[in-house]
Each structure stands twice: as C-alpha cells, then as structure tokens.
Amino acid sequence: MEFVIKISQFLLSLSLLIVLHELGHFVPAKLFKTRVEKFYLFFDIKYSLFKKKIGETVYGIGWLPLGGYVKIAGMIDESMDKEQMAEPPKPWEFRSKPTWQRLIIMLGGVTVNFILAVIIYIFMAFAYGDTDISAKSIEDGYWVTNPLLLELGAQTGDKVVSINGNEIENYSDIRKYLIEAKNITLESDGVQKEIVLPEDYLGRLSTGKNKSFFELRYPFVVEQVSDSSLNKGVDLKQGDIITSINNKTLKYFDELESRLNELKNQTVSVEIMRDNKTLIRDLKVDENGKFGIFPGGNLSDIEALGYYNIIKKEYTFADSFGVGLNKFKQQIGSYWMQLKLIFSPSTGAYKGVGGFKAIFDIFPDTWSWESFWAITAFLSIMLGVLNLLPIPALDGGHVMFLLYEIVSRRKPSDKFMEYAQMAGFFILIALVLFANGNDIFKAIFK
C-alpha cells in the first residue's frame, strides 16, 4: 500500500509539472499564431497510450514517463524534423516569428515553473503556516549517528551553536546552512568546540549508508511490534510512549541501546504513556539486547511531552504573499548553490545526484497534501532551473542562441542548430544515465 501511495504522488506531481511546463510554451505560441503540432504528456516513442487531434494540434499521452513535449512547427527540436526545415519558411512557423516572440515562447515553460512554485508557497503559508523548533529549547542537544560526524568529533548530546558563523536560532536553520557548511561550532556541557568539515563532505554524506546530520532526539514511541518479538503478545499499541525502564527514566530513544545491553535475556518493567495515562507492562529483552519493537514518532509526540518549544506561525492571506516569495527566493538560491557544488568535482557533491528513483524516494509513504505540495513546489523550481542550463536541446540552450541572435543580429544556420541539438541531446542522455546510474549503484552497493 505504501508503494501505491508513493507512486501515485510521484506520478501526479510529475504529470502536473510536465503539463504546466509545456503549457507555458503552448500558450504564447498560440498567442503569436505559431502552429503547435503536438502536445504530449510523457514520450510517445513508436506509439501513444492516448491521442486525439483537436484543430491543428494532436494531444496525447505517451508510454515513457521521462518528461513531455510540445512540437512547434518550424523549430529545430528533439524531433529533428529535417524535411519540414528543408522547405521554405511558412508564416505560422516558429522560425518565421520575430526574435522577441521566439524568446517569450522558449522562456514560457520555466516562467510557469517559477510562478507555480511561488503560488504553491503562498497558499501553503496561508493554509499551513510555519512550524519550527527553537534551538534554545533543545537542551539535551541532537542525535548524531553519522560516521563522518562522529569521526570529526561530534557526538549525541552536542548542541549546534552556529554554522559558518551563522547563529542557529531554529532547528530549520541547520538544514538551511547545511549545503554551504564549512565549519560548525558545537557545545557540550557548556564547552564549545569547532569541527571543520572536509571539502568533500557532501559527497561522503550522500554516498554513505547513513545520511543523517544533526537529528532531533525523539522519545521511544511504539510503531509496531515485530512478529518475531518476544513481546508479540504484550498489550502494546501504536503511539504508546515508553518513558522508563525498571523505574529509570528513558527520555530519548537513542538511550535505549546502551540501557538494554545491560539487560539481555531479562524481563523488565516499563512505564508506558497512553492517552495521558501511565501504564505498567513487563517486556522481555532478547539475547541481542532488543525488545523487538519498531520505533515511530513525530513532532506531535514531542509536543505532547513538552520536550521542545514548538513555534507555530499563522499568516493572513495578505502576509502569505511575502512569506511565499521569501520561501521561493530561499529555495531557488539553495538549488543554484547545489548545482554549483555538483559541478565542482572537489566537493564530491556529484555523487549525491539522483534520478527518478531519488525523486520517488522523497515522497512520503502516507498521503499528505502538505508534503505533496511542498515537494511539488521544490521539483517545479528544480525543473525550471535545470531547463535554464545553456545546453542545446534544453530551453536554456534555445534561449542562449536567441540571445546571440539579438546581440549579433545574425541567426545561426539551420545546419548549426541541427548539430547543436544533436550534441545537446547526447549531453542530456549522458546526464540522465549518470543520475539514474547513481540510483542503481546506491541500490546495489549501499
């Protein structure tokens, strides 16, 4: 069921983004009386799942969900329609239109992507507001399990004071500064220490099995009792919070392993909080020092116990415009920085590049409209930025040649554009193979 939910969100988001991106090309093309021969969701190599001609345009759905396209008459694109280009230009063709009109048509897709992201962020601010955690309220520090951070001297219980000199005021600040992090100031028992991150730490984080950073410390919330657990028949329910073992307080789940290692093959008395009531249960510890209970937990569990100061902000519809625009600027700036690091081999960030599986994996396995729209907004930014890259075959490549034409007052020859399109196509294929190859490599060897 989880897979069905994830794939449904993935396909819905992808379809929405592709259709709106291509609509961004389609609408100005129509406004400038340019003939659009095809409008497709997904690619229709050899055959289509659905197609219908309305007016001069064939609308359809292809079988290969790697993107979509509009085929504009008189334009050298991925269709490589040499026969059409060999004929004299027609007034309704792309190549016959003024440069400024062609530029607007080519920028239409990414413009829609960016506008869509802004709109989503505005309505999310209005509908959901913002939720964060005050860093000052995280009195017992963070949970650290990543081998790289442990190797550099970080440990569970450390508080994050600053990253690159930027003070950490809220928990979300850690993620905000993560991409550009070079040094981190930590505090433990009132003593500060600084760890210097290696230049390739992003690559090492992305290729390691453990991709955590400084994580919140959660209570031990019961998610599920394993079928092979010695405690299978015990009255435990999803959402129960184990608060003590043998009358000794268990505040955080990360304290459990060391506690149970001393209690192997024993039966222990635990206190459980259920619906604000305290219950006592006897649980067995197996020979490996395990209860055989899968943990869960979310922000509401932390809030119910009063562990941290949860900051909730609600916005009026008018306020949401400013909040949404700021969120968009932060996200687009962050993604540009990620691209810069990816194209800097010394950072190793390219090792974290993923393809369709990586995108699929970021969707939750339970349906959440808040998560769906947040992910869709980010993917819309990603799609817009990637399409602006000056690679022939991408919108950015076409824009690059159009700008050259405006400056030089000379139009590149059709033969040159044909070769450039082919080169761009092979570059794109190589990038797609690399990204999805990374996914396969991680799935097999990690």
Protein backbone atom coordinates (compact mmCIF):
# COMPACT_ATOMS: atom_id res chain seq x y z
CA MET A 1 0.00 0.00 0.00
CA GLU A 2 2.87 2.35 0.82
CA PHE A 3 4.29 1.84 -2.68
CA VAL A 4 0.92 2.67 -4.27
CA ILE A 5 0.71 5.90 -2.27
CA LYS A 6 4.28 6.92 -3.14
CA ILE A 7 3.96 6.13 -6.85
CA SER A 8 0.59 7.93 -7.01
CA GLN A 9 2.09 11.09 -5.53
CA PHE A 10 5.15 10.79 -7.76
CA LEU A 11 3.14 10.42 -10.99
CA LEU A 12 0.60 13.09 -10.03
CA SER A 13 3.33 15.61 -9.24
CA LEU A 14 5.36 14.74 -12.33
CA SER A 15 2.30 14.93 -14.61
CA LEU A 16 1.22 18.27 -13.17
CA LEU A 17 4.68 19.79 -13.63
CA ILE A 18 5.14 18.49 -17.18
CA VAL A 19 1.70 19.61 -18.39
CA LEU A 20 2.07 23.10 -16.90
CA HIS A 21 5.65 23.48 -18.19
CA GLU A 22 4.60 22.57 -21.72
CA LEU A 23 1.53 24.77 -21.39
CA GLY A 24 3.97 27.60 -20.74
CA HIS A 25 5.33 27.08 -24.28
CA PHE A 26 1.95 26.29 -25.82
CA VAL A 27 0.04 29.42 -24.75
CA PRO A 28 2.48 32.08 -26.06
CA ALA A 29 2.99 30.04 -29.23
CA LYS A 30 -0.75 30.17 -29.83
CA LEU A 31 -0.91 33.86 -28.94
CA PHE A 32 1.72 34.60 -31.56
CA LYS A 33 -0.18 32.44 -34.10
CA THR A 34 2.52 29.76 -34.21
CA ARG A 35 1.32 26.29 -35.13
CA VAL A 36 1.71 23.65 -32.39
CA GLU A 37 1.58 20.20 -33.95
CA LYS A 38 1.76 18.08 -30.78
CA PHE A 39 1.18 18.47 -27.03
CA TYR A 40 2.24 15.36 -25.15
CA LEU A 41 2.44 14.20 -21.55
CA PHE A 42 5.28 11.65 -21.50
CA PHE A 43 7.08 10.48 -24.61
CA ASP A 44 5.29 8.59 -27.40
CA ILE A 45 8.17 6.61 -28.90
CA LYS A 46 6.58 4.29 -31.51
CA TYR A 47 3.08 4.55 -30.02
CA SER A 48 0.77 6.50 -27.70
CA LEU A 49 -1.46 5.42 -24.84
CA PHE A 50 -3.93 8.08 -25.93
CA LYS A 51 -4.12 10.73 -28.63
CA LYS A 52 -6.73 12.99 -30.12
CA LYS A 53 -6.42 15.73 -32.72
CA ILE A 54 -8.23 18.96 -31.92
CA GLY A 55 -7.81 21.65 -34.55
CA GLU A 56 -4.21 21.63 -35.76
CA THR A 57 -2.78 20.04 -32.56
CA VAL A 58 -2.56 16.36 -31.56
CA TYR A 59 -2.95 15.99 -27.79
CA GLY A 60 -1.73 12.75 -26.27
CA ILE A 61 -0.20 10.68 -23.51
CA GLY A 62 2.93 8.67 -24.23
CA TRP A 63 4.03 5.46 -22.54
CA LEU A 64 7.52 6.60 -21.41
CA PRO A 65 7.22 8.80 -18.28
CA LEU A 66 10.52 10.66 -18.69
CA GLY A 67 9.03 14.05 -19.49
CA GLY A 68 6.79 15.61 -22.11
CA TYR A 69 6.94 17.99 -25.05
CA VAL A 70 5.19 20.34 -27.43
CA LYS A 71 6.19 20.09 -31.11
CA ILE A 72 6.16 23.59 -32.58
CA ALA A 73 6.18 23.89 -36.36
CA GLY A 74 9.38 25.27 -37.90
CA MET A 75 11.57 24.70 -34.86
CA ILE A 76 14.66 22.53 -34.66
CA ASP A 77 13.99 20.42 -31.61
CA GLU A 78 14.26 16.83 -30.40
CA SER A 79 12.01 15.66 -33.27
CA MET A 80 14.80 16.54 -35.75
CA ASP A 81 12.19 17.08 -38.49
CA LYS A 82 14.65 17.80 -41.34
CA GLU A 83 12.02 17.57 -44.08
CA GLN A 84 9.97 20.41 -42.63
CA MET A 85 13.07 22.56 -42.10
CA ALA A 86 14.17 21.97 -45.72
CA GLU A 87 11.00 23.65 -47.01
CA PRO A 88 10.61 27.45 -47.31
CA PRO A 89 9.51 29.09 -44.02
CA LYS A 90 5.76 29.42 -43.53
CA PRO A 91 4.22 32.42 -41.72
CA TRP A 92 2.85 30.18 -38.94
CA GLU A 93 6.21 28.58 -38.19
CA PHE A 94 8.42 29.32 -35.21
CA ARG A 95 11.38 30.30 -37.40
CA SER A 96 9.29 32.99 -39.12
CA LYS A 97 8.43 34.83 -35.91
CA PRO A 98 10.37 37.86 -34.57
CA THR A 99 13.18 37.05 -32.17
CA TRP A 100 11.39 38.55 -29.17
CA GLN A 101 8.36 36.33 -29.75
CA ARG A 102 10.53 33.21 -30.06
CA LEU A 103 12.30 34.21 -26.84
CA ILE A 104 8.99 34.52 -24.95
CA ILE A 105 7.83 31.14 -26.28
CA MET A 106 11.06 29.46 -25.13
CA LEU A 107 11.01 31.10 -21.69
CA GLY A 108 7.35 30.26 -21.16
CA GLY A 109 7.97 26.84 -19.62
CA VAL A 110 10.40 27.90 -16.91
CA THR A 111 8.33 31.01 -16.22
CA VAL A 112 5.33 28.81 -15.44
CA ASN A 113 7.50 26.58 -13.25
CA PHE A 114 8.65 29.52 -11.15
CA ILE A 115 5.18 31.08 -10.95
CA LEU A 116 3.72 27.72 -9.90
CA ALA A 117 6.29 27.38 -7.09
CA VAL A 118 5.51 30.89 -5.83
CA ILE A 119 1.76 30.22 -5.88
CA ILE A 120 2.18 26.94 -4.00
CA TYR A 121 4.36 28.57 -1.33
CA ILE A 122 1.86 31.42 -0.91
CA PHE A 123 -1.10 29.09 -0.42
CA MET A 124 0.92 26.75 1.82
CA ALA A 125 1.83 29.69 4.05
CA PHE A 126 -1.83 30.63 4.28
CA ALA A 127 -3.17 27.07 4.72
CA TYR A 128 -0.49 25.53 6.95
CA GLY A 129 1.60 28.37 8.33
CA ASP A 130 5.10 27.57 9.58
CA THR A 131 6.20 25.11 12.26
CA ASP A 132 9.68 25.17 13.72
CA ILE A 133 11.55 24.43 16.95
CA SER A 134 13.50 26.97 18.96
CA ALA A 135 17.15 25.89 19.11
CA LYS A 136 17.43 27.21 22.67
CA SER A 137 14.79 24.72 23.81
CA ILE A 138 16.86 21.76 22.56
CA GLU A 139 18.56 21.48 25.93
CA ASP A 140 19.93 17.94 25.52
CA GLY A 141 21.44 18.51 22.10
CA TYR A 142 20.99 16.45 18.95
CA TRP A 143 21.17 12.80 17.98
CA VAL A 144 24.36 12.11 15.99
CA THR A 145 24.85 8.74 14.28
CA ASN A 146 26.60 9.64 11.02
CA PRO A 147 30.08 8.05 10.97
CA LEU A 148 31.60 11.13 9.30
CA LEU A 149 30.36 13.49 12.01
CA LEU A 150 31.39 11.08 14.74
CA GLU A 151 34.85 10.82 13.16
CA LEU A 152 35.12 14.63 13.17
CA GLY A 153 34.34 14.78 16.89
CA ALA A 154 30.59 15.38 17.05
CA GLN A 155 28.52 13.21 19.40
CA THR A 156 24.97 12.74 20.59
CA GLY A 157 24.08 15.47 23.07
CA ASP A 158 26.01 18.22 21.26
CA LYS A 159 24.18 21.48 20.63
CA VAL A 160 24.74 23.27 17.32
CA VAL A 161 25.68 26.86 18.13
CA SER A 162 26.50 28.12 14.63
CA ILE A 163 27.36 27.04 11.08
CA ASN A 164 29.85 29.19 9.14
CA GLY A 165 29.40 31.80 11.88
CA ASN A 166 25.62 31.93 11.37
CA GLU A 167 23.86 31.51 14.71
CA ILE A 168 21.34 28.67 14.83
CA GLU A 169 18.12 30.16 16.18
CA ASN A 170 15.69 27.49 14.97
CA TYR A 171 16.06 23.83 14.09
CA SER A 172 15.37 24.51 10.39
CA ASP A 173 18.46 26.75 10.24
CA ILE A 174 20.67 23.64 10.35
CA ARG A 175 19.26 22.36 7.06
CA LYS A 176 19.36 25.86 5.58
CA TYR A 177 23.12 26.20 6.13
CA LEU A 178 23.98 22.52 5.51
CA ILE A 179 24.82 22.85 1.79
CA GLU A 180 27.46 25.54 2.28
CA ALA A 181 28.73 24.35 5.66
CA LYS A 182 32.49 24.57 6.16
CA ASN A 183 32.76 24.74 9.95
CA ILE A 184 30.34 24.01 12.76
CA THR A 185 30.53 25.29 16.33
CA LEU A 186 29.15 22.83 18.85
CA GLU A 187 28.56 23.00 22.59
CA SER A 188 28.56 20.17 25.12
CA ASP A 189 28.31 20.64 28.89
CA GLY A 190 28.94 24.36 28.46
CA VAL A 191 32.17 23.85 26.49
CA GLN A 192 32.33 24.91 22.84
CA LYS A 193 34.28 23.12 20.14
CA GLU A 194 34.61 23.63 16.41
CA ILE A 195 34.67 20.95 13.77
CA VAL A 196 35.94 21.70 10.27
CA LEU A 197 34.16 19.78 7.54
CA PRO A 198 36.31 18.33 4.73
CA GLU A 199 35.74 19.80 1.28
CA ASP A 200 34.15 16.57 0.02
CA TYR A 201 31.85 16.06 2.99
CA LEU A 202 28.70 16.38 0.83
CA GLY A 203 29.91 13.55 -1.37
CA ARG A 204 30.77 11.43 1.65
CA LEU A 205 27.39 12.11 3.24
CA SER A 206 25.47 11.28 0.09
CA THR A 207 27.30 8.02 -0.66
CA GLY A 208 27.32 6.66 2.88
CA LYS A 209 24.61 4.37 4.21
CA ASN A 210 23.86 6.85 6.99
CA LYS A 211 22.73 10.20 5.55
CA SER A 212 21.64 11.77 8.82
CA PHE A 213 23.04 15.05 10.12
CA PHE A 214 22.11 16.57 13.49
CA GLU A 215 18.73 15.00 14.20
CA LEU A 216 16.11 15.72 16.83
CA ARG A 217 16.06 13.35 19.79
CA TYR A 218 12.68 11.61 19.96
CA PRO A 219 11.03 9.67 22.79
CA PHE A 220 10.57 5.91 22.29
CA VAL A 221 7.21 5.81 20.50
CA VAL A 222 5.87 2.36 19.62
CA GLU A 223 5.18 1.95 15.91
CA GLN A 224 4.92 -1.82 15.57
CA VAL A 225 5.86 -4.98 17.43
CA SER A 226 7.83 -7.40 15.28
CA ASP A 227 6.20 -10.76 14.55
CA SER A 228 9.35 -12.47 15.84
CA SER A 229 9.50 -10.36 19.02
CA LEU A 230 9.37 -11.97 22.47
CA ASN A 231 6.84 -9.23 23.29
CA LYS A 232 4.39 -10.05 20.49
CA GLY A 233 1.53 -10.84 22.87
CA VAL A 234 2.01 -7.87 25.19
CA ASP A 235 -0.67 -5.16 25.27
CA LEU A 236 1.16 -2.51 23.27
CA LYS A 237 -0.47 -0.08 20.85
CA GLN A 238 0.86 2.16 18.12
CA GLY A 239 1.57 5.55 19.70
CA ASP A 240 2.44 4.21 23.15
CA ILE A 241 5.42 6.08 24.60
CA ILE A 242 7.87 4.11 26.75
CA THR A 243 9.02 6.56 29.43
CA SER A 244 11.03 4.40 31.86
CA ILE A 245 12.70 1.00 32.24
CA ASN A 246 12.98 -0.55 35.71
CA ASN A 247 11.98 2.80 37.26
CA LYS A 248 14.80 4.59 35.44
CA THR A 249 13.62 7.39 33.14
CA LEU A 250 14.04 6.81 29.39
CA LYS A 251 13.77 10.25 27.88
CA TYR A 252 15.08 9.55 24.38
CA PHE A 253 15.04 6.54 22.09
CA ASP A 254 18.79 6.91 21.44
CA GLU A 255 19.43 5.96 25.10
CA LEU A 256 17.76 2.57 24.65
CA GLU A 257 20.61 0.54 23.15
CA SER A 258 23.10 1.13 25.96
CA ARG A 259 20.36 0.51 28.54
CA LEU A 260 19.22 -2.83 27.10
CA ASN A 261 22.76 -4.12 26.52
CA GLU A 262 22.96 -4.47 30.29
CA LEU A 263 19.61 -6.31 30.48
CA LYS A 264 19.97 -9.10 27.92
CA ASN A 265 17.71 -12.15 28.48
CA GLN A 266 15.86 -10.38 31.29
CA THR A 267 12.29 -9.29 31.87
CA VAL A 268 11.97 -5.61 32.73
CA SER A 269 9.19 -3.37 33.99
CA VAL A 270 8.43 -0.41 31.76
CA GLU A 271 6.19 2.61 32.14
CA ILE A 272 4.07 3.48 29.14
CA MET A 273 2.19 6.70 28.46
CA ARG A 274 -1.04 6.10 26.58
CA ASP A 275 -3.68 8.80 26.17
CA ASN A 276 -2.11 10.79 29.04
CA LYS A 277 -2.35 7.76 31.34
CA THR A 278 0.61 5.83 32.77
CA LEU A 279 0.52 2.04 32.36
CA ILE A 280 2.95 -0.63 33.55
CA ARG A 281 3.99 -3.50 31.29
CA ASP A 282 6.56 -6.30 31.58
CA LEU A 283 8.74 -6.63 28.49
CA LYS A 284 11.34 -9.24 27.61
CA VAL A 285 14.82 -8.29 26.38
CA ASP A 286 16.23 -10.83 23.93
CA GLU A 287 19.78 -12.17 23.75
CA ASN A 288 20.76 -9.30 21.42
CA GLY A 289 19.58 -6.62 23.81
CA LYS A 290 16.41 -5.84 21.83
CA PHE A 291 12.73 -5.50 22.60
CA GLY A 292 11.77 -6.34 19.02
CA ILE A 293 9.71 -3.15 18.79
CA PHE A 294 9.93 -0.79 15.83
CA PRO A 295 10.00 2.88 16.88
CA GLY A 296 7.94 5.66 15.32
CA GLY A 297 7.15 9.15 16.46
CA ASN A 298 6.60 12.57 15.00
CA LEU A 299 6.54 16.21 16.00
CA SER A 300 3.18 15.84 17.77
CA ASP A 301 4.71 13.28 20.16
CA ILE A 302 7.47 15.72 21.05
CA GLU A 303 4.92 18.48 21.51
CA ALA A 304 2.70 16.32 23.74
CA LEU A 305 5.60 15.67 26.11
CA GLY A 306 6.70 19.31 26.11
CA TYR A 307 10.28 18.43 25.14
CA TYR A 308 10.87 21.42 22.91
CA ASN A 309 9.44 24.86 22.28
CA ILE A 310 7.37 24.33 19.12
CA ILE A 311 7.00 27.61 17.21
CA LYS A 312 3.85 27.85 15.12
CA LYS A 313 3.12 30.82 12.90
CA GLU A 314 -0.11 31.53 11.08
CA TYR A 315 -0.39 34.09 8.30
CA THR A 316 -3.16 36.18 6.86
CA PHE A 317 -3.74 35.84 3.14
CA ALA A 318 -2.01 39.19 2.59
CA ASP A 319 1.01 38.14 4.72
CA SER A 320 1.24 34.86 2.81
CA PHE A 321 2.37 36.66 -0.36
CA GLY A 322 5.55 37.95 1.31
CA VAL A 323 6.20 34.64 3.08
CA GLY A 324 5.70 32.66 -0.13
CA LEU A 325 8.00 34.92 -2.15
CA ASN A 326 10.72 34.68 0.51
CA LYS A 327 10.42 30.90 0.56
CA PHE A 328 10.75 30.83 -3.23
CA LYS A 329 13.87 33.03 -3.16
CA GLN A 330 15.47 30.86 -0.48
CA GLN A 331 14.74 27.64 -2.34
CA ILE A 332 15.90 28.84 -5.76
CA GLY A 333 19.07 30.25 -4.20
CA SER A 334 19.70 26.97 -2.41
CA TYR A 335 19.20 24.95 -5.60
CA TRP A 336 21.57 27.17 -7.62
CA MET A 337 24.16 26.61 -4.88
CA GLN A 338 23.62 22.85 -5.09
CA LEU A 339 24.21 22.94 -8.85
CA LYS A 340 27.38 24.97 -8.35
CA LEU A 341 28.69 22.38 -5.89
CA ILE A 342 27.67 19.49 -8.16
CA PHE A 343 29.78 20.96 -10.97
CA SER A 344 32.74 21.38 -8.59
CA PRO A 345 34.31 17.87 -8.56
CA SER A 346 36.38 18.53 -5.42
CA THR A 347 33.22 18.74 -3.28
CA GLY A 348 32.09 15.25 -4.26
CA ALA A 349 28.52 16.60 -4.40
CA TYR A 350 28.02 14.99 -7.81
CA LYS A 351 27.96 11.62 -6.01
CA GLY A 352 24.63 12.59 -4.49
CA VAL A 353 22.96 13.31 -7.84
CA GLY A 354 19.94 11.06 -8.30
CA GLY A 355 17.42 10.26 -10.99
CA PHE A 356 13.81 9.20 -10.94
CA LYS A 357 14.23 6.82 -8.01
CA ALA A 358 15.75 9.60 -5.91
CA ILE A 359 12.75 11.82 -6.72
CA PHE A 360 10.36 8.94 -5.98
CA ASP A 361 12.03 8.34 -2.61
CA ILE A 362 11.42 11.87 -1.31
CA PHE A 363 7.64 11.36 -1.37
CA PRO A 364 6.24 10.04 1.95
CA ASP A 365 4.58 6.60 2.13
CA THR A 366 1.46 8.12 3.70
CA TRP A 367 -0.68 10.62 1.83
CA SER A 368 -0.01 14.18 2.98
CA TRP A 369 -1.17 17.12 0.91
CA GLU A 370 1.21 19.41 2.79
CA SER A 371 4.20 17.23 1.89
CA PHE A 372 2.92 16.71 -1.66
CA TRP A 373 2.66 20.42 -2.40
CA ALA A 374 5.99 21.24 -0.71
CA ILE A 375 7.77 18.59 -2.80
CA THR A 376 5.95 19.65 -5.97
CA ALA A 377 6.98 23.29 -5.43
CA PHE A 378 10.62 22.26 -4.99
CA LEU A 379 10.52 19.99 -8.06
CA SER A 380 8.97 22.85 -10.06
CA ILE A 381 11.94 25.05 -9.10
CA MET A 382 14.33 22.23 -9.94
CA LEU A 383 12.70 21.69 -13.35
CA GLY A 384 12.80 25.42 -14.10
CA VAL A 385 16.44 25.86 -13.10
CA LEU A 386 17.62 22.75 -14.97
CA ASN A 387 15.78 23.87 -18.12
CA LEU A 388 17.64 27.18 -17.96
CA LEU A 389 21.03 25.49 -18.25
CA PRO A 390 22.67 26.59 -21.54
CA ILE A 391 22.61 23.12 -23.04
CA PRO A 392 21.26 22.73 -26.60
CA ALA A 393 18.01 20.71 -26.51
CA LEU A 394 17.03 22.42 -23.25
CA ASP A 395 15.07 25.67 -23.13
CA GLY A 396 18.22 27.40 -21.88
CA GLY A 397 20.11 26.29 -24.98
CA HIS A 398 17.48 27.77 -27.29
CA VAL A 399 17.47 30.97 -25.23
CA MET A 400 21.26 31.16 -25.49
CA PHE A 401 21.13 31.06 -29.30
CA LEU A 402 18.26 33.56 -29.41
CA LEU A 403 20.24 35.99 -27.24
CA TYR A 404 23.21 35.53 -29.58
CA GLU A 405 20.90 36.37 -32.47
CA ILE A 406 19.66 39.52 -30.73
CA VAL A 407 23.19 40.74 -29.95
CA SER A 408 24.88 39.79 -33.23
CA ARG A 409 21.82 40.39 -35.43
CA ARG A 410 22.70 37.11 -37.12
CA LYS A 411 20.68 33.94 -36.96
CA PRO A 412 22.64 30.67 -36.51
CA SER A 413 22.26 28.45 -39.58
CA ASP A 414 19.79 25.57 -39.52
CA LYS A 415 22.68 23.14 -40.03
CA PHE A 416 24.50 24.54 -36.99
CA MET A 417 21.31 24.33 -34.90
CA GLU A 418 20.81 20.76 -36.06
CA TYR A 419 24.31 19.74 -34.93
CA ALA A 420 23.94 21.70 -31.68
CA GLN A 421 20.63 19.96 -30.99
CA MET A 422 22.22 16.56 -31.53
CA ALA A 423 25.13 17.43 -29.24
CA GLY A 424 22.73 18.69 -26.57
CA PHE A 425 20.65 15.55 -26.87
CA PHE A 426 23.69 13.34 -26.24
CA ILE A 427 24.71 15.51 -23.26
CA LEU A 428 21.22 15.12 -21.80
CA ILE A 429 21.26 11.36 -22.34
CA ALA A 430 24.65 11.18 -20.58
CA LEU A 431 23.32 13.22 -17.62
CA VAL A 432 20.18 11.09 -17.35
CA LEU A 433 22.25 7.89 -17.46
CA PHE A 434 24.64 9.27 -14.84
CA ALA A 435 21.85 10.36 -12.46
CA ASN A 436 19.87 7.14 -12.76
CA GLY A 437 23.09 5.12 -12.73
CA ASN A 438 23.85 6.69 -9.35
CA ASP A 439 20.46 5.44 -8.13
CA ILE A 440 21.22 1.91 -9.32
CA PHE A 441 24.73 1.98 -7.82
CA LYS A 442 23.40 3.09 -4.43
CA ALA A 443 20.63 0.49 -4.50
CA ILE A 444 23.09 -2.34 -5.22
CA PHE A 445 26.17 -1.39 -3.25
CA LYS A 446 24.88 0.72 -0.34
